[in-house]
Amino acid sequence: MRPAHAGRIPFQTRPFIQPSPVSSMLTYAILFLVIAIVAGILGFGGIAGTAAMVAKVLFVIFLVLFLAAFIRGRRV
């Protein structure tokens, strides 16, 4: 009789997959957008404006990296 875990890769030896910089950039942009919305609802205009500006900048950086990766991937 084989053990139940036979043929499986132990958790410690599984390869770690790191998220790409493009996806983490979009995650941070969405995070700052949510912070801006919550701060705006609560009446913190300065914090909301700053967070919205940071979200816009991160989103533009995301778009540039995404397009560069898309174009580079097409040529390979």
N, C-alpha and C. Protein backbone atom coordinates (compact mmCIF):
# COMPACT_ATOMS: atom_id res chain seq x y z
N MET A 1 0.83 -1.18 0.00
CA MET A 1 0.00 0.00 0.00
C MET A 1 0.88 1.25 0.00
N ARG A 2 0.58 2.18 -0.89
CA ARG A 2 1.37 3.42 -1.00
C ARG A 2 0.84 4.45 -0.02
N PRO A 3 1.76 5.29 0.49
CA PRO A 3 1.29 6.40 1.34
C PRO A 3 0.46 7.38 0.52
N ALA A 4 -0.39 8.12 1.19
CA ALA A 4 -1.29 9.06 0.52
C ALA A 4 -0.53 10.18 -0.18
N HIS A 5 0.65 10.50 0.29
CA HIS A 5 1.41 11.62 -0.28
C HIS A 5 2.41 11.18 -1.35
N ALA A 6 2.36 9.94 -1.76
CA ALA A 6 3.31 9.44 -2.75
C ALA A 6 3.07 10.13 -4.09
N GLY A 7 4.15 10.60 -4.70
CA GLY A 7 4.06 11.24 -6.01
C GLY A 7 3.83 12.73 -5.94
N ARG A 8 3.54 13.25 -4.79
CA ARG A 8 3.32 14.70 -4.64
C ARG A 8 4.63 15.38 -4.29
N ILE A 9 4.75 16.61 -4.70
CA ILE A 9 5.93 17.41 -4.35
C ILE A 9 5.68 18.03 -2.98
N PRO A 10 6.60 17.86 -2.05
CA PRO A 10 6.39 18.49 -0.74
C PRO A 10 6.29 20.00 -0.86
N PHE A 11 5.55 20.62 0.03
CA PHE A 11 5.30 22.06 -0.03
C PHE A 11 6.60 22.86 -0.02
N GLN A 12 7.59 22.43 0.72
CA GLN A 12 8.82 23.20 0.86
C GLN A 12 9.64 23.21 -0.42
N THR A 13 9.48 22.23 -1.30
CA THR A 13 10.30 22.16 -2.50
C THR A 13 9.60 22.70 -3.74
N ARG A 14 8.37 23.18 -3.60
CA ARG A 14 7.68 23.74 -4.75
C ARG A 14 8.34 25.05 -5.16
N PRO A 15 8.43 25.30 -6.45
CA PRO A 15 9.06 26.56 -6.88
C PRO A 15 8.20 27.76 -6.52
N PHE A 16 8.86 28.82 -6.12
CA PHE A 16 8.17 30.06 -5.76
C PHE A 16 8.02 30.92 -7.00
N ILE A 17 6.80 31.26 -7.34
CA ILE A 17 6.54 32.09 -8.52
C ILE A 17 6.35 33.53 -8.06
N GLN A 18 7.24 34.40 -8.50
CA GLN A 18 7.15 35.79 -8.12
C GLN A 18 6.23 36.53 -9.08
N PRO A 19 5.42 37.46 -8.55
CA PRO A 19 4.58 38.24 -9.45
C PRO A 19 5.44 39.17 -10.29
N SER A 20 4.97 39.47 -11.48
CA SER A 20 5.73 40.36 -12.35
C SER A 20 5.61 41.79 -11.87
N PRO A 21 6.58 42.65 -12.21
CA PRO A 21 6.50 44.05 -11.79
C PRO A 21 5.27 44.75 -12.35
N VAL A 22 4.79 44.30 -13.50
CA VAL A 22 3.64 44.93 -14.11
C VAL A 22 2.39 44.69 -13.26
N SER A 23 2.19 43.45 -12.81
CA SER A 23 1.00 43.16 -12.03
C SER A 23 1.06 43.81 -10.65
N SER A 24 2.25 43.87 -10.04
CA SER A 24 2.34 44.52 -8.73
C SER A 24 2.15 46.03 -8.87
N MET A 25 2.55 46.61 -9.99
CA MET A 25 2.35 48.04 -10.21
C MET A 25 0.86 48.34 -10.30
N LEU A 26 0.11 47.49 -10.97
CA LEU A 26 -1.33 47.67 -11.07
C LEU A 26 -1.98 47.49 -9.71
N THR A 27 -1.47 46.55 -8.91
CA THR A 27 -2.00 46.34 -7.57
C THR A 27 -1.82 47.58 -6.71
N TYR A 28 -0.64 48.20 -6.78
CA TYR A 28 -0.41 49.41 -6.00
C TYR A 28 -1.26 50.58 -6.51
N ALA A 29 -1.46 50.66 -7.81
CA ALA A 29 -2.31 51.72 -8.35
C ALA A 29 -3.74 51.58 -7.85
N ILE A 30 -4.25 50.36 -7.85
CA ILE A 30 -5.61 50.13 -7.34
C ILE A 30 -5.67 50.41 -5.85
N LEU A 31 -4.64 50.03 -5.11
CA LEU A 31 -4.60 50.30 -3.67
C LEU A 31 -4.67 51.79 -3.38
N PHE A 32 -3.86 52.59 -4.09
CA PHE A 32 -3.89 54.03 -3.87
C PHE A 32 -5.20 54.65 -4.33
N LEU A 33 -5.82 54.08 -5.36
CA LEU A 33 -7.13 54.56 -5.78
C LEU A 33 -8.18 54.32 -4.69
N VAL A 34 -8.14 53.16 -4.08
CA VAL A 34 -9.07 52.87 -2.98
C VAL A 34 -8.81 53.80 -1.80
N ILE A 35 -7.55 54.04 -1.48
CA ILE A 35 -7.21 54.97 -0.40
C ILE A 35 -7.75 56.36 -0.71
N ALA A 36 -7.61 56.79 -1.98
CA ALA A 36 -8.11 58.11 -2.37
C ALA A 36 -9.62 58.18 -2.24
N ILE A 37 -10.32 57.14 -2.64
CA ILE A 37 -11.78 57.14 -2.54
C ILE A 37 -12.23 57.18 -1.09
N VAL A 38 -11.62 56.36 -0.25
CA VAL A 38 -12.00 56.33 1.17
C VAL A 38 -11.67 57.66 1.83
N ALA A 39 -10.51 58.22 1.55
CA ALA A 39 -10.13 59.51 2.14
C ALA A 39 -11.07 60.61 1.65
N GLY A 40 -11.48 60.55 0.38
CA GLY A 40 -12.42 61.54 -0.13
C GLY A 40 -13.78 61.45 0.53
N ILE A 41 -14.24 60.24 0.76
CA ILE A 41 -15.53 60.04 1.44
C ILE A 41 -15.46 60.56 2.87
N LEU A 42 -14.34 60.35 3.53
CA LEU A 42 -14.20 60.79 4.92
C LEU A 42 -13.86 62.27 5.05
N GLY A 43 -13.62 62.95 3.94
CA GLY A 43 -13.40 64.38 3.98
C GLY A 43 -11.95 64.82 4.06
N PHE A 44 -11.03 63.92 3.85
CA PHE A 44 -9.62 64.27 3.86
C PHE A 44 -9.19 64.61 2.44
N GLY A 45 -9.42 65.84 2.03
CA GLY A 45 -9.19 66.24 0.65
C GLY A 45 -7.74 66.20 0.23
N GLY A 46 -6.84 66.62 1.11
CA GLY A 46 -5.41 66.63 0.77
C GLY A 46 -4.86 65.23 0.58
N ILE A 47 -5.23 64.35 1.48
CA ILE A 47 -4.77 62.96 1.37
C ILE A 47 -5.39 62.30 0.15
N ALA A 48 -6.66 62.60 -0.11
CA ALA A 48 -7.35 62.01 -1.27
C ALA A 48 -6.70 62.48 -2.58
N GLY A 49 -6.38 63.75 -2.64
CA GLY A 49 -5.75 64.28 -3.86
C GLY A 49 -4.37 63.68 -4.09
N THR A 50 -3.60 63.56 -3.02
CA THR A 50 -2.26 63.00 -3.14
C THR A 50 -2.32 61.53 -3.53
N ALA A 51 -3.22 60.78 -2.90
CA ALA A 51 -3.35 59.36 -3.23
C ALA A 51 -3.84 59.17 -4.66
N ALA A 52 -4.74 60.04 -5.11
CA ALA A 52 -5.22 59.95 -6.49
C ALA A 52 -4.10 60.25 -7.48
N MET A 53 -3.26 61.22 -7.15
CA MET A 53 -2.14 61.55 -8.02
C MET A 53 -1.14 60.39 -8.09
N VAL A 54 -0.85 59.78 -6.96
CA VAL A 54 0.05 58.63 -6.93
C VAL A 54 -0.55 57.48 -7.74
N ALA A 55 -1.86 57.26 -7.61
CA ALA A 55 -2.52 56.20 -8.37
C ALA A 55 -2.42 56.46 -9.87
N LYS A 56 -2.58 57.71 -10.28
CA LYS A 56 -2.46 58.04 -11.70
C LYS A 56 -1.05 57.78 -12.22
N VAL A 57 -0.06 58.19 -11.45
CA VAL A 57 1.34 57.98 -11.86
C VAL A 57 1.65 56.50 -11.96
N LEU A 58 1.23 55.72 -10.95
CA LEU A 58 1.49 54.29 -10.99
C LEU A 58 0.76 53.61 -12.14
N PHE A 59 -0.44 54.08 -12.47
CA PHE A 59 -1.17 53.50 -13.58
C PHE A 59 -0.49 53.80 -14.91
N VAL A 60 0.05 55.00 -15.05
CA VAL A 60 0.78 55.34 -16.28
C VAL A 60 2.04 54.49 -16.40
N ILE A 61 2.75 54.31 -15.29
CA ILE A 61 3.93 53.44 -15.31
C ILE A 61 3.53 52.02 -15.67
N PHE A 62 2.41 51.55 -15.10
CA PHE A 62 1.90 50.22 -15.45
C PHE A 62 1.63 50.11 -16.95
N LEU A 63 0.98 51.12 -17.53
CA LEU A 63 0.69 51.08 -18.96
C LEU A 63 1.95 51.02 -19.80
N VAL A 64 2.95 51.81 -19.42
CA VAL A 64 4.21 51.82 -20.17
C VAL A 64 4.89 50.46 -20.08
N LEU A 65 4.96 49.89 -18.88
CA LEU A 65 5.59 48.57 -18.73
C LEU A 65 4.80 47.48 -19.44
N PHE A 66 3.46 47.57 -19.39
CA PHE A 66 2.63 46.58 -20.06
C PHE A 66 2.83 46.63 -21.57
N LEU A 67 2.82 47.83 -22.12
CA LEU A 67 3.01 47.96 -23.57
C LEU A 67 4.41 47.51 -23.99
N ALA A 68 5.41 47.84 -23.19
CA ALA A 68 6.77 47.40 -23.51
C ALA A 68 6.87 45.88 -23.47
N ALA A 69 6.25 45.25 -22.48
CA ALA A 69 6.28 43.79 -22.39
C ALA A 69 5.48 43.17 -23.54
N PHE A 70 4.39 43.78 -23.91
CA PHE A 70 3.56 43.27 -25.02
C PHE A 70 4.31 43.35 -26.35
N ILE A 71 4.94 44.47 -26.60
CA ILE A 71 5.68 44.65 -27.85
C ILE A 71 6.89 43.74 -27.87
N ARG A 72 7.59 43.65 -26.76
CA ARG A 72 8.77 42.79 -26.69
C ARG A 72 8.38 41.33 -26.84
N GLY A 73 7.26 40.94 -26.29
CA GLY A 73 6.81 39.56 -26.41
C GLY A 73 6.39 39.21 -27.82
N ARG A 74 5.90 40.17 -28.57
CA ARG A 74 5.49 39.91 -29.95
C ARG A 74 6.68 39.66 -30.86
N ARG A 75 7.81 40.28 -30.56
CA ARG A 75 8.99 40.16 -31.43
C ARG A 75 9.77 38.90 -31.17
N VAL A 76 9.60 38.29 -30.04
CA VAL A 76 10.39 37.10 -29.70
C VAL A 76 9.81 35.87 -30.32
